[in-house]
Protein backbone atom coordinates (compact mmCIF):
# COMPACT_ATOMS: atom_id res chain seq x y z
CA MET A 1 -8.46 -15.78 24.17
CA PHE A 2 -12.28 -16.91 23.59
CA CYS A 3 -14.37 -17.24 20.65
CA LYS A 4 -17.24 -14.69 20.23
CA ASN A 5 -19.27 -17.26 18.47
CA CYS A 6 -19.21 -20.46 20.66
CA GLY A 7 -17.32 -19.33 23.77
CA LYS A 8 -14.49 -22.06 23.69
CA GLU A 9 -11.09 -20.83 24.55
CA ILE A 10 -8.67 -20.77 21.41
CA PRO A 11 -5.05 -19.48 21.01
CA ASP A 12 -4.30 -16.08 20.68
CA ASN A 13 -3.03 -15.88 17.28
CA SER A 14 -5.41 -18.15 15.81
CA ILE A 15 -7.50 -16.88 12.58
CA ALA A 16 -10.43 -19.09 12.96
CA CYS A 17 -11.94 -20.86 15.99
CA THR A 18 -11.05 -24.43 15.92
CA ASN A 19 -14.60 -25.64 17.25
CA CYS A 20 -17.10 -23.77 15.14
CA GLY A 21 -14.88 -22.18 12.27
CA ALA A 22 -15.94 -18.57 13.11
CA PRO A 23 -13.31 -15.85 12.04
CA THR A 24 -11.43 -14.19 15.25
CA GLY A 25 -10.49 -10.99 13.14
CA ASN A 26 -6.70 -11.66 13.18
CA VAL A 27 -5.61 -11.07 9.86
CA GLU A 28 -2.41 -13.08 8.47
CA ASP A 29 -0.15 -10.55 7.01
CA THR A 30 3.15 -12.45 5.62
CA GLY A 31 4.00 -9.67 2.85
CA SER A 32 5.34 -12.57 0.67
CA LEU A 33 7.11 -11.99 -2.55
CA GLY A 34 4.20 -13.37 -4.79
CA TRP A 35 2.16 -9.96 -3.98
CA CYS A 36 5.33 -8.19 -5.21
CA LEU A 37 5.21 -10.16 -8.28
CA LEU A 38 1.45 -9.73 -8.74
CA GLY A 39 1.81 -5.82 -8.52
CA CYS A 40 4.44 -5.99 -11.11
CA CYS A 41 2.86 -8.02 -13.59
CA ILE A 42 -0.53 -6.30 -13.17
CA PRO A 43 0.35 -3.05 -11.84
CA MET A 44 -3.44 -1.76 -11.59
CA ALA A 45 -4.04 -4.76 -9.25
CA GLY A 46 -1.05 -4.10 -7.15
CA LEU A 47 -2.11 -0.26 -6.67
CA ILE A 48 -5.90 -1.19 -5.87
CA LEU A 49 -4.85 -3.81 -3.34
CA TYR A 50 -2.44 -1.29 -1.93
CA PHE A 51 -5.47 0.81 -1.15
CA VAL A 52 -7.61 -1.81 -0.04
CA TRP A 53 -5.10 -3.43 2.33
CA LYS A 54 -2.90 -0.62 3.88
CA ASP A 55 -4.68 -0.47 7.29
CA GLN A 56 -5.67 -4.18 7.65
CA LYS A 57 -2.26 -5.72 6.08
CA PRO A 58 0.46 -3.23 5.81
CA LYS A 59 3.27 -5.63 5.11
CA THR A 60 1.27 -7.08 2.07
CA ALA A 61 0.12 -3.75 1.13
CA LYS A 62 3.97 -2.55 0.85
CA LYS A 63 4.86 -5.71 -1.18
CA CYS A 64 1.93 -4.78 -3.55
CA ILE A 65 2.89 -1.13 -4.08
CA ILE A 66 6.43 -1.93 -4.57
CA GLY A 67 5.66 -4.36 -7.31
CA PHE A 68 3.39 -1.46 -8.97
CA LEU A 69 6.36 1.00 -8.82
CA CYS A 70 8.89 -1.33 -9.95
CA LYS A 71 6.50 -2.09 -12.97
CA SER A 72 5.79 1.60 -13.48
CA TRP A 73 9.62 2.45 -13.26
CA ASN A 74 10.65 -0.23 -15.92
CA PHE A 75 7.94 0.96 -18.08
CA ASN A 76 8.89 4.37 -18.19
CA TYR A 77 12.56 3.42 -18.26
CA PHE A 78 12.08 1.19 -21.15
CA SER A 79 9.88 3.69 -23.19
CA TYR A 80 12.43 6.33 -22.65
CA PHE A 81 15.05 4.04 -24.05
CA LYS A 82 13.00 2.96 -26.85
CA TYR A 83 12.41 6.63 -27.95
CA PHE A 84 16.07 7.62 -27.53
CA SER A 85 17.58 4.65 -29.00
CA ARG A 86 15.30 4.84 -32.07
CA PHE A 87 16.51 8.57 -32.31
CA TYR A 88 20.04 7.65 -32.13
CA ILE A 89 19.51 5.05 -34.87
CA ILE A 90 17.90 7.79 -37.00
CA PHE A 91 20.55 10.14 -36.44
CA ILE A 92 23.27 7.99 -37.27
CA TYR A 93 21.61 6.61 -40.67
CA LYS A 94 21.09 10.26 -41.88
CA PHE A 95 24.62 11.24 -40.95
CA ASN A 96 25.94 8.19 -42.66
CA ARG A 97 24.24 8.70 -45.90
CA LEU A 98 25.65 12.35 -46.18
């Protein structure tokens, strides 16, 4: 592969030219666990990054949406759990007073 900017030969998997530093267009897509954690801690960022990277970095985009979905599912699960546990405590309290 040759650099589009300076014309020097560079390896096929390089992200930037070693001679002039121009980007080659090859995108590194590792799909690391850190993006999943980001999507879990900041769900809106995970959702936005999924739509930004779904074509360019599919592995990383998948990790972001997994983190978003995990956070969304946990939030809904625990909010329902809080609601029903609160209802259960009130129910037991009222019937034990009778």
